[in-house]
Amino acid sequence: QVQLVESGGGLVQAGDSLRLSCAASGGPFSTRIMVWFRQTPGKEREFVAGFAWNGGRTDYADAVKGRFTISGDSSKNMVYLQMNSLKPEDTAVYYCALKWSLTVTIPILANEYEFWGQGTQVTVSS
C-alpha cells in the first residue's frame, strides 16, 4: 500500500524560505516519478515540480524556476521541495503525488498521478 505524507508547510513572509518534505512508502522505488502540485480555492491543481528517481531528472513550472528546487533522498525515502524567495502568489495547499513509469518523462497533469498525500498549507504574507 502506497502512502505519501507531506510536512513542512507554514506561514512565512515574502522573501522567506520553506522546505516541504514528502515521505513515500510502498511500491517499487527505482521507477517512481514524484511531483509537487499546489492548489488554491476554486482553481485546479497546478504542477510545481517533479523528480524522476530513474536518472534524477527534474522539471519545474515556469512560475517557480530559479526559486524552487526538488530533490530526493533514497536513503530516507523522501522527496523535498526547497522553496526560496517565496511570494504571496505561492500561497496554496501543496500536495505530493506519485506514479510509476518506465520512462523519465514527468507528466504535468494531475490526473496522471495515482497516489496523493493529504496536502500541507503554505501561506506567504506580503
Foldseek 3Di string as FASTA:
>chain_A
DKAKAKDWADEEAAQAKTKMKIAIDDDDDQQKKKFKWWDDPPDDTWTAKIFGSNVTDMDGDPVQPPFWDWDDDVVRNMIMIIGGRDDQVVWTWMKMFMDGDPDGDHDTDPVVTDDIHPTDTHGYHD
